[in-house]
């Protein structure tokens, strides 16, 4: 580890017992050379996870196929019909400010954040689940589509995810960005909680009530689903990004140290929790001293990080409770029997399932591979287009 570089993390445990696994789900979220985790007295190195095309085919061989896009605030995932999820990249673009052209997209662009000269700007074109920069979002989508199709002449049919709480104008902006990027008109829309429910394996067409809580980078989507529709729902603009910012603000306030975005995310992954841990941990974090301007190392604990995340976690729980309050008694009884399903990256926050169970009195389940639930569900809507066409929207109308 280079001791001259700021914004690095070393995590250690306060006790020693049996070792457990440690995994970083996205290689862009943690530089494994710079995160060394000591958990329960054992040493682990962050393990990067790279998504590859299934079946051994290259991305360029998938031209002309229908695709589903989970256009997330933090990450964009692409599902190709008949192949599954073939692309998982951060929703980040590095732009040449003077020329207005993208220099890097996805993982490469994210690695440039905080390290660029003045003429290069690293942009996240989505904020709180909606498009914040239309032109950059269109360029990013075009890049991803070109990566898959291999040709701008190919116009795949596209299903694209949006938060349930966005306006008609915001929804149309997503459709237009997809169409300008090369999707066949019209681009179809699926609401994220519906896609997450499908991807998590919930019986959405059944008269039996199911509840999904999808915690993404920009929003948390909560919905009760029955007979192919959302009976009660709530979308709150609280997600992983807000939790990262809460950590940044806490360290700034308590230690007068500035952290970069990637470091705050690494701290959240390493130490973040919503419920007391059996073995509390601590970490040495390197940032910039706001007084001297020099690199500075401070030690923070998982207890402190839980305090930092409390407001955001409480907002998520309030959204769940509010949705339950809107739920008809018959469906509420179903949910009590079957439990609440959690999906999205936020579902991986330590102890959030325990906290939610304690606050609601409901059993809590976490979807298999929750980071990919929305993309899987969107893809299933493609695979079973005629069966699930009722959950899709086109040009503002349900298909």
Protein backbone atom coordinates (compact mmCIF):
# COMPACT_ATOMS: atom_id res chain seq x y z
CA UNK A 1 0.00 0.00 0.00
CA UNK A 2 1.34 3.43 -0.91
CA UNK A 3 1.37 5.47 2.32
CA UNK A 4 1.30 8.74 0.37
CA UNK A 5 -2.10 8.07 -1.14
CA UNK A 6 -5.20 9.35 0.73
CA UNK A 7 -8.64 7.76 0.89
CA UNK A 8 -7.70 4.19 1.71
CA UNK A 9 -9.29 1.81 4.16
CA UNK A 10 -8.02 -0.86 6.53
CA UNK A 11 -10.72 -2.71 8.47
CA UNK A 12 -10.12 -4.79 11.58
CA UNK A 13 -12.28 -6.66 14.10
CA UNK A 14 -12.47 -6.08 17.85
CA UNK A 15 -12.56 -9.79 18.62
CA UNK A 16 -11.23 -13.07 17.33
CA UNK A 17 -13.30 -16.17 16.66
CA UNK A 18 -14.24 -18.33 13.71
CA UNK A 19 -13.46 -16.78 10.31
CA UNK A 20 -16.18 -15.88 7.81
CA UNK A 21 -16.19 -15.03 4.12
CA UNK A 22 -15.67 -11.52 2.78
CA UNK A 23 -16.76 -10.53 -0.71
CA UNK A 24 -16.86 -7.26 -2.60
CA UNK A 25 -19.67 -7.62 -5.13
CA UNK A 26 -18.43 -5.00 -7.60
CA UNK A 27 -14.75 -4.54 -8.47
CA UNK A 28 -15.28 -0.81 -8.99
CA UNK A 29 -16.61 -0.44 -5.45
CA UNK A 30 -13.43 -1.54 -3.76
CA UNK A 31 -9.82 -1.47 -4.86
CA UNK A 32 -8.74 -4.85 -3.50
CA UNK A 33 -5.14 -3.66 -3.29
CA UNK A 34 -6.15 -1.05 -0.77
CA UNK A 35 -8.83 -2.72 1.35
CA UNK A 36 -7.53 -5.33 3.76
CA UNK A 37 -10.20 -6.72 6.04
CA UNK A 38 -9.51 -8.33 9.40
CA UNK A 39 -12.82 -9.91 10.34
CA UNK A 40 -13.08 -11.99 13.50
CA UNK A 41 -9.32 -12.12 13.80
CA UNK A 42 -8.63 -13.48 10.28
CA UNK A 43 -7.17 -11.68 7.28
CA UNK A 44 -9.08 -11.39 4.02
CA UNK A 45 -8.49 -9.51 0.82
CA UNK A 46 -11.45 -7.96 -1.03
CA UNK A 47 -12.41 -10.26 -3.90
CA UNK A 48 -13.48 -8.54 -7.11
CA UNK A 49 -16.36 -9.96 -9.10
CA UNK A 50 -16.43 -9.56 -12.88
CA UNK A 51 -19.51 -10.43 -14.90
CA UNK A 52 -18.91 -12.35 -18.13
CA UNK A 53 -21.16 -13.31 -21.01
CA UNK A 54 -22.83 -16.63 -20.43
CA UNK A 55 -22.20 -19.44 -22.85
CA UNK A 56 -18.76 -18.18 -23.82
CA UNK A 57 -20.02 -15.78 -26.51
CA UNK A 58 -18.59 -12.33 -26.94
CA UNK A 59 -20.73 -9.25 -26.47
CA UNK A 60 -20.35 -8.46 -30.16
CA UNK A 61 -22.12 -11.70 -31.12
CA UNK A 62 -25.37 -10.62 -29.47
CA UNK A 63 -26.48 -8.04 -32.06
CA UNK A 64 -30.16 -7.87 -32.91
CA UNK A 65 -31.35 -9.51 -29.71
CA UNK A 66 -33.95 -7.93 -27.43
CA UNK A 67 -32.44 -6.37 -24.31
CA UNK A 68 -33.58 -5.23 -20.88
CA UNK A 69 -31.77 -2.42 -19.08
CA UNK A 70 -31.68 -1.77 -15.36
CA UNK A 71 -30.72 1.90 -15.62
CA UNK A 72 -29.66 2.52 -12.04
CA UNK A 73 -28.26 5.57 -10.32
CA UNK A 74 -25.18 3.60 -9.27
CA UNK A 75 -24.93 0.82 -11.87
CA UNK A 76 -26.40 -0.13 -15.24
CA UNK A 77 -27.07 -3.79 -15.99
CA UNK A 78 -28.05 -5.22 -19.36
CA UNK A 79 -29.94 -8.47 -19.91
CA UNK A 80 -29.95 -10.01 -23.40
CA UNK A 81 -32.85 -12.24 -24.33
CA UNK A 82 -31.76 -15.86 -24.38
CA UNK A 83 -28.40 -15.07 -22.74
CA UNK A 84 -29.09 -13.49 -19.36
CA UNK A 85 -27.19 -10.60 -17.78
CA UNK A 86 -24.18 -9.77 -19.94
CA UNK A 87 -23.14 -6.33 -18.72
CA UNK A 88 -22.78 -4.71 -15.29
CA UNK A 89 -21.09 -1.30 -15.28
CA UNK A 90 -21.18 1.79 -13.03
CA UNK A 91 -23.47 4.54 -14.37
CA UNK A 92 -20.52 6.90 -14.76
CA UNK A 93 -19.09 8.77 -17.76
CA UNK A 94 -15.82 10.70 -18.04
CA UNK A 95 -16.38 13.64 -20.41
CA UNK A 96 -13.95 15.87 -22.27
CA UNK A 97 -15.44 19.22 -21.23
CA UNK A 98 -14.07 21.18 -24.20
CA UNK A 99 -15.08 18.70 -26.90
CA UNK A 100 -18.21 17.36 -25.23
CA UNK A 101 -17.30 13.75 -25.98
CA UNK A 102 -17.08 10.76 -23.63
CA UNK A 103 -13.56 9.54 -22.89
CA UNK A 104 -14.51 6.59 -20.69
CA UNK A 105 -17.67 4.86 -19.52
CA UNK A 106 -18.42 2.50 -16.64
CA UNK A 107 -15.65 0.99 -14.51
CA UNK A 108 -12.90 2.91 -16.30
CA UNK A 109 -14.70 6.23 -15.78
CA UNK A 110 -15.41 5.49 -12.11
CA UNK A 111 -11.73 4.79 -11.47
CA UNK A 112 -10.99 8.29 -12.79
CA UNK A 113 -13.26 10.03 -10.24
CA UNK A 114 -11.35 12.54 -8.12
CA UNK A 115 -8.19 12.11 -10.22
CA UNK A 116 -8.91 14.11 -13.38
CA UNK A 117 -7.42 17.34 -14.76
CA UNK A 118 -9.68 20.35 -15.31
CA UNK A 119 -10.61 19.46 -18.89
CA UNK A 120 -12.06 16.07 -17.87
CA UNK A 121 -15.24 15.83 -15.82
CA UNK A 122 -16.56 12.59 -14.32
CA UNK A 123 -20.36 12.65 -14.55
CA UNK A 124 -23.08 10.48 -13.07
CA UNK A 125 -26.00 11.15 -15.44
CA UNK A 126 -28.66 9.79 -13.07
CA UNK A 127 -29.61 11.12 -9.66
CA UNK A 128 -32.27 9.72 -7.32
CA UNK A 129 -33.30 7.22 -9.98
CA UNK A 130 -34.04 9.78 -12.71
CA UNK A 131 -32.03 11.37 -15.50
CA UNK A 132 -30.08 14.42 -14.34
CA UNK A 133 -28.08 14.91 -17.58
CA UNK A 134 -29.99 13.76 -20.66
CA UNK A 135 -27.14 14.11 -23.18
CA UNK A 136 -24.63 12.19 -21.07
CA UNK A 137 -27.20 9.51 -20.25
CA UNK A 138 -27.94 9.03 -23.95
CA UNK A 139 -24.20 8.72 -24.71
CA UNK A 140 -23.78 6.19 -21.91
CA UNK A 141 -26.72 4.08 -23.10
CA UNK A 142 -25.47 4.22 -26.69
CA UNK A 143 -22.07 2.98 -25.55
CA UNK A 144 -23.61 0.04 -23.69
CA UNK A 145 -25.90 -0.86 -26.60
CA UNK A 146 -22.96 -0.67 -29.03
CA UNK A 147 -20.94 -2.94 -26.74
CA UNK A 148 -23.64 -5.56 -27.07
CA UNK A 149 -24.88 -5.15 -30.63
CA UNK A 150 -21.55 -4.32 -32.26
CA UNK A 151 -23.33 -2.03 -34.71
CA UNK A 152 -25.31 1.18 -34.57
CA UNK A 153 -27.50 -0.18 -37.37
CA UNK A 154 -28.92 -2.78 -35.00
CA UNK A 155 -32.01 -1.56 -33.14
CA UNK A 156 -32.96 -4.02 -30.42
CA UNK A 157 -36.32 -4.02 -28.70
CA UNK A 158 -35.69 -2.66 -25.21
CA UNK A 159 -37.35 -2.89 -21.82
CA UNK A 160 -35.97 -0.30 -19.41
CA UNK A 161 -36.59 0.11 -15.67
CA UNK A 162 -37.76 3.28 -13.91
CA UNK A 163 -38.66 4.07 -10.29
CA UNK A 164 -42.38 3.84 -9.55
CA UNK A 165 -42.60 7.38 -8.23
CA UNK A 166 -41.30 9.32 -11.24
CA UNK A 167 -43.42 11.78 -13.22
CA UNK A 168 -44.65 11.27 -16.76
CA UNK A 169 -42.07 13.78 -17.99
CA UNK A 170 -39.25 11.88 -16.26
CA UNK A 171 -40.53 8.59 -17.67
CA UNK A 172 -40.64 10.01 -21.18
CA UNK A 173 -37.08 11.30 -20.79
CA UNK A 174 -35.91 7.75 -20.05
CA UNK A 175 -37.75 6.40 -23.10
CA UNK A 176 -36.34 9.10 -25.37
CA UNK A 177 -32.81 8.55 -24.09
CA UNK A 178 -33.16 4.84 -24.87
CA UNK A 179 -34.58 5.49 -28.34
CA UNK A 180 -31.95 8.12 -29.20
CA UNK A 181 -29.30 5.65 -28.01
CA UNK A 182 -30.45 3.08 -30.57
CA UNK A 183 -33.40 1.17 -29.12
CA UNK A 184 -36.26 0.23 -31.43
CA UNK A 185 -39.29 2.49 -30.98
CA UNK A 186 -41.16 2.34 -28.74
CA UNK A 187 -38.95 1.54 -25.77
CA UNK A 188 -40.95 -0.27 -23.12
CA UNK A 189 -40.96 0.76 -19.46
CA UNK A 190 -41.22 -1.49 -16.42
CA UNK A 191 -41.41 -0.11 -12.90
CA UNK A 192 -38.53 -1.18 -10.68
CA UNK A 193 -40.52 -2.74 -7.82
CA UNK A 194 -42.41 -4.91 -10.32
CA UNK A 195 -39.17 -5.95 -12.01
CA UNK A 196 -37.56 -6.67 -8.64
CA UNK A 197 -40.55 -8.79 -7.58
CA UNK A 198 -40.38 -10.82 -10.79
CA UNK A 199 -36.61 -11.23 -10.44
CA UNK A 200 -36.98 -12.32 -6.83
CA UNK A 201 -39.42 -15.03 -7.85
CA UNK A 202 -42.56 -13.58 -6.27
CA UNK A 203 -45.90 -14.77 -7.75
CA UNK A 204 -46.98 -11.40 -9.13
CA UNK A 205 -49.94 -12.78 -11.13
CA UNK A 206 -51.41 -14.54 -8.11
CA UNK A 207 -54.27 -13.06 -6.04
CA UNK A 208 -51.97 -13.72 -3.10
CA UNK A 209 -50.31 -10.54 -1.80
CA UNK A 210 -46.51 -10.14 -2.07
CA UNK A 211 -44.33 -7.32 -0.76
CA UNK A 212 -41.03 -6.20 -2.26
CA UNK A 213 -38.50 -3.68 -0.89
CA UNK A 214 -35.90 -2.76 -3.53
CA UNK A 215 -33.07 -0.59 -2.17
CA UNK A 216 -31.01 0.81 -5.02
CA UNK A 217 -28.37 3.48 -5.36
CA UNK A 218 -30.76 6.41 -5.69
CA UNK A 219 -34.16 5.23 -4.47
CA UNK A 220 -35.93 2.70 -2.29
CA UNK A 221 -38.98 1.17 -3.94
CA UNK A 222 -41.61 -0.49 -1.76
CA UNK A 223 -44.67 -2.20 -3.22
CA UNK A 224 -47.42 -4.67 -2.41
CA UNK A 225 -48.27 -6.65 -5.54
CA UNK A 226 -51.29 -8.79 -6.40
CA UNK A 227 -52.88 -9.93 -9.68
CA UNK A 228 -50.12 -8.36 -11.77
CA UNK A 229 -50.47 -4.86 -10.34
CA UNK A 230 -49.21 -2.72 -7.48
CA UNK A 231 -51.93 -2.35 -4.85
CA UNK A 232 -49.88 -0.08 -2.58
CA UNK A 233 -46.48 1.45 -3.19
CA UNK A 234 -44.06 4.13 -2.14
CA UNK A 235 -40.87 5.44 -3.70
CA UNK A 236 -38.46 7.38 -1.54
CA UNK A 237 -35.26 8.99 -2.75
CA UNK A 238 -33.12 7.24 -0.19
CA UNK A 239 -30.59 4.66 -1.31
CA UNK A 240 -26.95 3.68 -1.29
CA UNK A 241 -25.76 7.09 -2.47
CA UNK A 242 -27.42 8.85 0.45
CA UNK A 243 -25.89 6.34 2.86
CA UNK A 244 -22.45 7.00 1.35
CA UNK A 245 -22.98 10.73 1.77
CA UNK A 246 -24.05 10.23 5.39
CA UNK A 247 -20.71 8.55 6.10
CA UNK A 248 -18.84 11.38 4.37
CA UNK A 249 -20.67 13.99 6.42
CA UNK A 250 -20.17 12.09 9.69
CA UNK A 251 -16.41 11.78 9.23
CA UNK A 252 -16.22 15.42 8.16
CA UNK A 253 -18.13 16.58 11.25
CA UNK A 254 -16.51 14.30 13.84
CA UNK A 255 -12.94 14.15 12.55
CA UNK A 256 -12.57 17.15 10.18
CA UNK A 257 -11.49 14.75 7.45
CA UNK A 258 -12.75 14.79 3.86
CA UNK A 259 -13.38 11.45 2.15
CA UNK A 260 -13.79 10.71 -1.53
CA UNK A 261 -16.98 9.06 -2.82
CA UNK A 262 -15.32 5.72 -3.43
CA UNK A 263 -13.79 5.66 0.05
CA UNK A 264 -17.14 6.38 1.70
CA UNK A 265 -18.65 3.51 -0.26
CA UNK A 266 -15.82 1.21 0.83
CA UNK A 267 -16.42 2.17 4.46
CA UNK A 268 -20.13 1.39 4.08
CA UNK A 269 -19.40 -2.03 2.61
CA UNK A 270 -16.76 -2.84 5.25
CA UNK A 271 -18.38 -1.41 8.39
CA UNK A 272 -21.96 -0.40 7.64
CA UNK A 273 -24.80 -1.99 9.59
CA UNK A 274 -28.37 -1.36 10.70
CA UNK A 275 -28.32 -3.67 13.73
CA UNK A 276 -25.70 -4.28 16.45
CA UNK A 277 -23.05 -6.74 15.32
CA UNK A 278 -21.90 -9.72 17.31
CA UNK A 279 -18.33 -8.65 16.58
CA UNK A 280 -18.06 -4.88 16.18
CA UNK A 281 -15.29 -3.74 13.84
CA UNK A 282 -13.16 -0.67 13.30
CA UNK A 283 -11.25 0.81 10.37
CA UNK A 284 -8.36 3.12 9.70
CA UNK A 285 -9.47 5.59 7.05
CA UNK A 286 -7.20 7.91 5.13
CA UNK A 287 -8.58 11.19 3.91
CA UNK A 288 -7.63 14.86 3.69
CA UNK A 289 -7.37 16.91 6.86
CA UNK A 290 -9.69 19.90 6.41
CA UNK A 291 -7.49 22.02 8.68
CA UNK A 292 -4.01 21.34 7.32
CA UNK A 293 -4.90 20.04 3.86
CA UNK A 294 -2.57 17.08 4.41
CA UNK A 295 -3.39 13.35 4.34
CA UNK A 296 -4.69 12.14 7.68
CA UNK A 297 -5.57 8.72 9.11
CA UNK A 298 -8.43 8.31 11.58
CA UNK A 299 -9.96 5.23 13.20
CA UNK A 300 -13.72 4.74 13.08
CA UNK A 301 -15.89 1.91 14.36
CA UNK A 302 -18.89 0.02 13.04
CA UNK A 303 -20.85 1.54 15.95
CA UNK A 304 -20.09 5.03 14.65
CA UNK A 305 -21.00 4.07 11.10
CA UNK A 306 -24.31 2.64 12.31
CA UNK A 307 -24.99 6.01 13.92
CA UNK A 308 -24.09 7.77 10.67
CA UNK A 309 -26.48 5.58 8.67
CA UNK A 310 -29.37 5.76 11.15
CA UNK A 311 -31.32 8.56 9.47
CA UNK A 312 -31.24 6.88 6.07
CA UNK A 313 -32.11 3.47 7.50
CA UNK A 314 -35.02 4.99 9.42
CA UNK A 315 -36.34 6.56 6.21
CA UNK A 316 -36.33 3.16 4.50
CA UNK A 317 -38.19 1.58 7.42
CA UNK A 318 -40.72 4.43 7.46
CA UNK A 319 -41.42 3.82 3.75
CA UNK A 320 -42.08 0.14 4.47
CA UNK A 321 -44.40 0.96 7.38
CA UNK A 322 -46.26 3.56 5.32
CA UNK A 323 -46.84 1.04 2.52
CA UNK A 324 -48.09 -1.55 5.01
CA UNK A 325 -50.54 1.04 6.36
CA UNK A 326 -52.01 1.39 2.84
CA UNK A 327 -52.32 -2.36 2.34
CA UNK A 328 -55.78 -4.01 2.46
CA UNK A 329 -56.16 -6.37 5.45
CA UNK A 330 -56.48 -9.49 3.27
CA UNK A 331 -53.16 -8.80 1.56
CA UNK A 332 -51.52 -7.78 4.83
CA UNK A 333 -52.39 -11.23 6.18
CA UNK A 334 -50.69 -12.81 3.15
CA UNK A 335 -47.56 -10.75 3.77
CA UNK A 336 -47.54 -11.76 7.41
CA UNK A 337 -47.51 -15.39 6.29
CA UNK A 338 -44.98 -15.10 3.46
CA UNK A 339 -42.83 -12.21 4.67
CA UNK A 340 -41.28 -9.17 3.02
CA UNK A 341 -38.79 -9.75 0.19
CA UNK A 342 -35.74 -7.47 0.04
CA UNK A 343 -33.74 -6.81 -3.14
CA UNK A 344 -31.15 -4.36 -4.44
CA UNK A 345 -27.69 -3.58 -3.15
CA UNK A 346 -29.08 -2.05 0.04
CA UNK A 347 -30.44 -5.45 1.05
CA UNK A 348 -26.83 -6.46 1.70
CA UNK A 349 -26.39 -3.88 4.48
CA UNK A 350 -25.57 -5.91 7.58
CA UNK A 351 -28.49 -6.36 9.95
CA UNK A 352 -31.03 -4.45 7.86
CA UNK A 353 -33.19 -7.57 7.62
CA UNK A 354 -33.08 -7.98 11.42
CA UNK A 355 -33.90 -4.30 11.94
CA UNK A 356 -36.83 -4.46 9.52
CA UNK A 357 -38.18 -7.63 11.14
CA UNK A 358 -37.94 -6.01 14.57
CA UNK A 359 -39.69 -2.81 13.42
CA UNK A 360 -42.51 -4.44 11.42
CA UNK A 361 -43.02 -7.78 13.13
CA UNK A 362 -42.93 -9.41 9.69
CA UNK A 363 -40.63 -12.20 8.51
CA UNK A 364 -37.94 -10.88 6.14
CA UNK A 365 -36.36 -12.66 3.18
CA UNK A 366 -33.50 -11.51 0.96
CA UNK A 367 -33.63 -12.34 -2.76
CA UNK A 368 -30.99 -14.62 -4.20
CA UNK A 369 -28.23 -12.38 -5.59
CA UNK A 370 -30.25 -9.23 -4.74
CA UNK A 371 -28.06 -6.88 -6.79
CA UNK A 372 -29.39 -8.49 -9.97
CA UNK A 373 -33.08 -8.92 -9.07
CA UNK A 374 -34.29 -5.93 -11.11
CA UNK A 375 -32.25 -6.90 -14.18
CA UNK A 376 -33.43 -10.52 -13.92
CA UNK A 377 -37.04 -9.42 -13.63
CA UNK A 378 -36.78 -7.05 -16.59
CA UNK A 379 -35.21 -9.85 -18.59
CA UNK A 380 -37.98 -12.25 -17.66
CA UNK A 381 -40.48 -9.69 -18.97
CA UNK A 382 -38.64 -10.00 -22.30
CA UNK A 383 -38.48 -13.79 -22.21
CA UNK A 384 -42.20 -14.05 -21.40
CA UNK A 385 -43.30 -10.95 -23.28
CA UNK A 386 -46.84 -12.10 -24.06
CA UNK A 387 -47.45 -13.38 -20.52
CA UNK A 388 -46.05 -10.31 -18.75
CA UNK A 389 -46.96 -7.59 -21.26
CA UNK A 390 -49.47 -6.21 -18.75
CA UNK A 391 -46.66 -4.92 -16.52
CA UNK A 392 -45.01 -2.95 -19.37
CA UNK A 393 -45.66 0.63 -20.40
CA UNK A 394 -45.10 2.34 -23.74
CA UNK A 395 -45.39 6.07 -24.46
CA UNK A 396 -46.92 6.65 -21.04
CA UNK A 397 -49.61 3.99 -21.43
CA UNK A 398 -49.75 0.45 -20.09
CA UNK A 399 -49.08 -1.93 -22.95
